[in-house]
Amino acid sequence: MVLTVPQPRAPLDGSLAQWYERGLGWAVSEGPPVQLLTGLRFDVLELPASAGFALLERYERTGPVALVGRRMRLLVAAGSADELPGLLDWLEWGGVALDLRAIGAGGRMTAPVPPGWAGSRGAAVWLRPPEPGCEIEARLPSFTGVTQCGGSGDGDVSDASRAAQGGRAAGLSLVRLVAAAATECHRARLFHAKSPGGTGNAGTQPFCFS
C-alpha cells in the first residue's frame, strides 16, 4: 500500500479576507478570488517580474511587494497612479513601451497569500509582506520619500542618517522608484528582444518567498 501526503489546502476565502480586514485594516472584495481594493490606502505599480527582481536587488526596502505569475506589484502611496504618466514624461520615458502600469482608485489586485499560509500553485504571494501593526501609508514610496516602522526605503541610508532624523529615514521616493522601474523595464524589454526566439529569461529568476 502506497501512502501519499495530501497537498496543503489553499486558505479559505473568508479567512483570507478577514486577515486583511482585521489584521491590516485593508478594504477587500471577497471573490473568489479575494481582491484588495486599490486607491484607498495604497496604489500599485506593476511591472514584469524579471524587471522587478532586478529592481529589488538594488533596493532592500521598498514597501510591500507581491508576485503574481510573471508580474510583480509594488505598493505605493495612494494617488501615485494618477501621477505615473506625468512622472514618466518628466523622466523622459514618455512614449516608450515599458510594460509599466499603475493601479489606483477603483482598481483591484489579487490578495497574496499571507506569510506562513499554504497556497495553491501559482497563487499570488508576498515577496516583501506588509507589517502587521504598522500603518501602511508610512511604508510606501511617495513624493516625500519618508518612511517609518522599519525605516528607509533605500538600501544605502546609513544608521547615522537615521539617527539624525530621530529614527526616521529618507526612504525610496516615488520619483526614484519609478525611474528605477522604468530603467529595468526597458532593459528587460531589450534583453527579451535580443535573446534567441525573443523568450529571454523572464520569470525564471529565483527569489526568497519569506
Protein backbone atom coordinates (compact mmCIF):
# COMPACT_ATOMS: atom_id res chain seq x y z
CA MET A 1 0.00 0.00 0.00
CA VAL A 2 1.42 3.36 -1.04
CA LEU A 3 0.86 6.26 1.32
CA THR A 4 0.63 9.73 -0.13
CA VAL A 5 0.95 13.03 1.67
CA PRO A 6 -2.01 15.32 0.90
CA GLN A 7 -1.21 18.68 -0.62
CA PRO A 8 -1.73 21.71 1.64
CA ARG A 9 -5.19 23.21 1.24
CA ALA A 10 -5.48 26.72 -0.08
CA PRO A 11 -6.66 29.22 2.54
CA LEU A 12 -10.41 29.75 2.65
CA ASP A 13 -11.51 32.98 1.05
CA GLY A 14 -13.33 34.03 4.21
CA SER A 15 -10.24 33.59 6.38
CA LEU A 16 -8.08 35.39 3.86
CA ALA A 17 -10.43 38.34 3.69
CA GLN A 18 -10.51 38.54 7.50
CA TRP A 19 -6.71 38.50 7.67
CA TYR A 20 -6.58 41.66 5.57
CA GLU A 21 -9.61 43.39 7.02
CA ARG A 22 -8.93 42.72 10.70
CA GLY A 23 -5.17 42.36 10.71
CA LEU A 24 -4.28 45.23 8.40
CA GLY A 25 -7.47 47.25 8.08
CA TRP A 26 -7.47 46.95 4.29
CA ALA A 27 -10.63 47.04 2.18
CA VAL A 28 -11.27 43.80 0.30
CA SER A 29 -13.67 42.27 -2.17
CA GLU A 30 -14.43 38.74 -1.11
CA GLY A 31 -14.26 36.99 -4.51
CA PRO A 32 -13.28 34.33 -5.18
CA PRO A 33 -10.56 35.23 -5.52
CA VAL A 34 -10.25 37.70 -2.67
CA GLN A 35 -9.09 41.05 -4.01
CA LEU A 36 -7.61 44.13 -2.36
CA LEU A 37 -9.15 47.48 -3.26
CA THR A 38 -6.60 49.99 -4.51
CA GLY A 39 -6.72 53.77 -4.35
CA LEU A 40 -7.84 53.86 -0.71
CA ARG A 41 -4.72 53.20 1.36
CA PHE A 42 -2.32 52.39 -1.44
CA ASP A 43 -1.89 52.23 -5.20
CA VAL A 44 0.05 49.58 -7.10
CA LEU A 45 2.97 49.85 -9.50
CA GLU A 46 3.01 46.76 -11.74
CA LEU A 47 5.86 45.57 -13.96
CA PRO A 48 7.30 42.33 -15.40
CA ALA A 49 8.76 40.05 -12.76
CA SER A 50 12.16 39.97 -14.48
CA ALA A 51 12.42 43.76 -14.24
CA GLY A 52 11.03 43.70 -10.71
CA PHE A 53 13.63 41.26 -9.41
CA ALA A 54 16.40 43.44 -10.79
CA LEU A 55 14.87 46.44 -9.02
CA LEU A 56 14.62 44.56 -5.71
CA GLU A 57 18.30 43.68 -5.91
CA ARG A 58 19.09 47.41 -5.94
CA TYR A 59 16.79 48.41 -3.08
CA GLU A 60 16.40 46.42 0.10
CA ARG A 61 13.39 48.34 1.37
CA THR A 62 10.61 49.26 -0.99
CA GLY A 63 7.43 48.77 0.98
CA PRO A 64 5.30 45.63 0.40
CA VAL A 65 5.91 43.72 -2.84
CA ALA A 66 3.82 40.89 -4.30
CA LEU A 67 4.40 38.40 -7.11
CA VAL A 68 1.51 37.22 -9.30
CA GLY A 69 2.68 34.84 -12.00
CA ARG A 70 5.16 36.76 -14.15
CA ARG A 71 4.06 40.14 -12.85
CA MET A 72 5.35 41.99 -9.80
CA ARG A 73 3.31 44.52 -7.86
CA LEU A 74 4.85 47.15 -5.61
CA LEU A 75 2.61 49.05 -3.24
CA VAL A 76 3.00 52.83 -3.45
CA ALA A 77 1.25 55.77 -1.85
CA ALA A 78 -2.41 56.32 -2.73
CA GLY A 79 -2.73 58.78 -5.60
CA SER A 80 0.51 57.68 -7.25
CA ALA A 81 -1.30 56.02 -10.15
CA ASP A 82 -2.58 59.40 -11.33
CA GLU A 83 0.94 60.78 -11.24
CA LEU A 84 2.61 58.00 -13.25
CA PRO A 85 2.02 59.31 -16.82
CA GLY A 86 3.27 62.80 -16.00
CA LEU A 87 6.15 61.41 -13.99
CA LEU A 88 7.29 59.19 -16.87
CA ASP A 89 7.14 62.21 -19.19
CA TRP A 90 9.20 64.25 -16.74
CA LEU A 91 11.75 61.44 -16.53
CA GLU A 92 11.88 61.39 -20.35
CA TRP A 93 10.29 57.95 -20.65
CA GLY A 94 7.09 59.25 -22.20
CA GLY A 95 6.05 57.35 -25.32
CA VAL A 96 8.42 54.44 -24.61
CA ALA A 97 6.81 50.99 -24.39
CA LEU A 98 7.86 49.91 -20.91
CA ASP A 99 5.14 47.46 -19.81
CA LEU A 100 4.90 49.51 -16.62
CA ARG A 101 1.48 50.47 -15.30
CA ALA A 102 -0.22 51.64 -12.14
CA ILE A 103 -3.47 50.58 -10.48
CA GLY A 104 -5.20 53.27 -8.48
CA ALA A 105 -8.66 54.44 -7.44
CA GLY A 106 -11.38 51.97 -8.40
CA GLY A 107 -8.89 49.19 -9.11
CA ARG A 108 -8.19 45.84 -7.51
CA MET A 109 -5.34 43.39 -7.07
CA THR A 110 -5.49 39.71 -6.18
CA ALA A 111 -4.83 39.28 -2.47
CA PRO A 112 -1.49 37.50 -1.96
CA VAL A 113 -1.29 34.55 0.42
CA PRO A 114 -0.07 35.80 3.84
CA PRO A 115 3.34 34.62 5.07
CA GLY A 116 3.12 31.10 6.53
CA TRP A 117 -0.15 30.22 4.81
CA ALA A 118 -0.45 27.32 2.38
CA GLY A 119 -1.48 28.41 -1.08
CA SER A 120 -2.26 26.77 -4.39
CA ARG A 121 0.36 26.57 -7.10
CA GLY A 122 0.63 29.88 -8.93
CA ALA A 123 -1.17 31.84 -6.21
CA ALA A 124 -0.21 35.44 -5.58
CA VAL A 125 2.42 35.64 -2.81
CA TRP A 126 4.22 38.33 -0.86
CA LEU A 127 7.92 38.75 -1.58
CA ARG A 128 8.09 41.57 0.96
CA PRO A 129 4.96 41.31 3.10
CA PRO A 130 3.20 44.14 4.91
CA GLU A 131 3.99 44.52 8.60
CA PRO A 132 1.08 43.98 10.99
CA GLY A 133 0.76 46.87 13.41
CA CYS A 134 2.44 49.34 11.07
CA GLU A 135 0.41 51.93 9.21
CA ILE A 136 0.76 51.06 5.54
CA GLU A 137 0.95 54.70 4.49
CA ALA A 138 4.16 55.15 6.50
CA ARG A 139 5.99 52.47 4.49
CA LEU A 140 5.04 53.36 0.94
CA PRO A 141 7.15 55.17 -1.66
CA SER A 142 5.75 58.65 -2.16
CA PHE A 143 6.87 62.07 -3.34
CA THR A 144 8.10 62.83 0.17
CA GLY A 145 10.27 59.72 0.33
CA VAL A 146 9.93 59.43 4.13
CA THR A 147 9.06 56.12 5.76
CA GLN A 148 8.57 54.86 9.30
CA CYS A 149 8.04 51.48 11.01
CA GLY A 150 11.17 49.94 9.61
CA GLY A 151 12.97 52.99 8.31
CA SER A 152 14.36 53.64 4.90
CA GLY A 153 13.12 52.59 1.52
CA ASP A 154 16.64 52.87 0.12
CA GLY A 155 19.28 50.32 0.87
CA ASP A 156 22.10 52.82 1.22
CA VAL A 157 20.88 55.06 4.05
CA SER A 158 23.31 54.95 6.96
CA ASP A 159 22.49 54.43 10.61
CA ALA A 160 23.85 57.91 11.25
CA SER A 161 21.33 59.37 8.83
CA ARG A 162 18.52 57.56 10.61
CA ALA A 163 19.67 58.79 13.99
CA ALA A 164 19.95 62.35 12.70
CA GLN A 165 16.30 62.21 11.68
CA GLY A 166 15.06 60.96 15.02
CA GLY A 167 14.56 57.36 13.97
CA ARG A 168 13.04 58.22 10.62
CA ALA A 169 14.96 57.81 7.42
CA ALA A 170 14.67 59.28 3.96
CA GLY A 171 13.06 56.39 2.09
CA LEU A 172 12.71 55.43 -1.51
CA SER A 173 10.76 58.27 -3.12
CA LEU A 174 8.17 57.63 -5.79
CA VAL A 175 10.31 59.51 -8.32
CA ARG A 176 13.32 57.33 -7.62
CA LEU A 177 11.25 54.14 -7.67
CA VAL A 178 9.57 54.97 -10.98
CA ALA A 179 12.92 55.96 -12.52
CA ALA A 180 14.46 52.63 -11.47
CA ALA A 181 11.40 50.65 -12.55
CA ALA A 182 11.35 52.30 -15.98
CA THR A 183 15.05 51.58 -16.47
CA GLU A 184 14.69 47.91 -15.52
CA CYS A 185 11.58 47.50 -17.68
CA HIS A 186 13.47 48.93 -20.64
CA ARG A 187 16.44 46.64 -20.00
CA ALA A 188 14.18 43.61 -19.70
CA ARG A 189 12.44 44.50 -22.97
CA LEU A 190 15.76 44.87 -24.79
CA PHE A 191 17.04 41.58 -23.36
CA HIS A 192 13.82 39.85 -24.37
CA ALA A 193 14.12 41.19 -27.92
CA LYS A 194 17.78 40.16 -28.28
CA SER A 195 17.50 36.67 -26.82
CA PRO A 196 17.04 33.67 -29.19
CA GLY A 197 13.41 33.41 -30.13
CA GLY A 198 12.66 36.53 -28.12
CA THR A 199 12.00 34.48 -24.98
CA GLY A 200 14.65 35.89 -22.64
CA ASN A 201 14.63 34.63 -19.07
CA ALA A 202 11.55 36.42 -17.78
CA GLY A 203 10.08 34.84 -14.74
CA THR A 204 13.00 32.45 -14.17
CA GLN A 205 14.98 34.36 -11.58
CA PRO A 206 14.73 32.84 -8.08
CA PHE A 207 13.84 34.92 -5.05
CA CYS A 208 13.20 34.36 -1.38
CA PHE A 209 9.50 33.87 -0.65
CA SER A 210 9.70 34.55 3.06
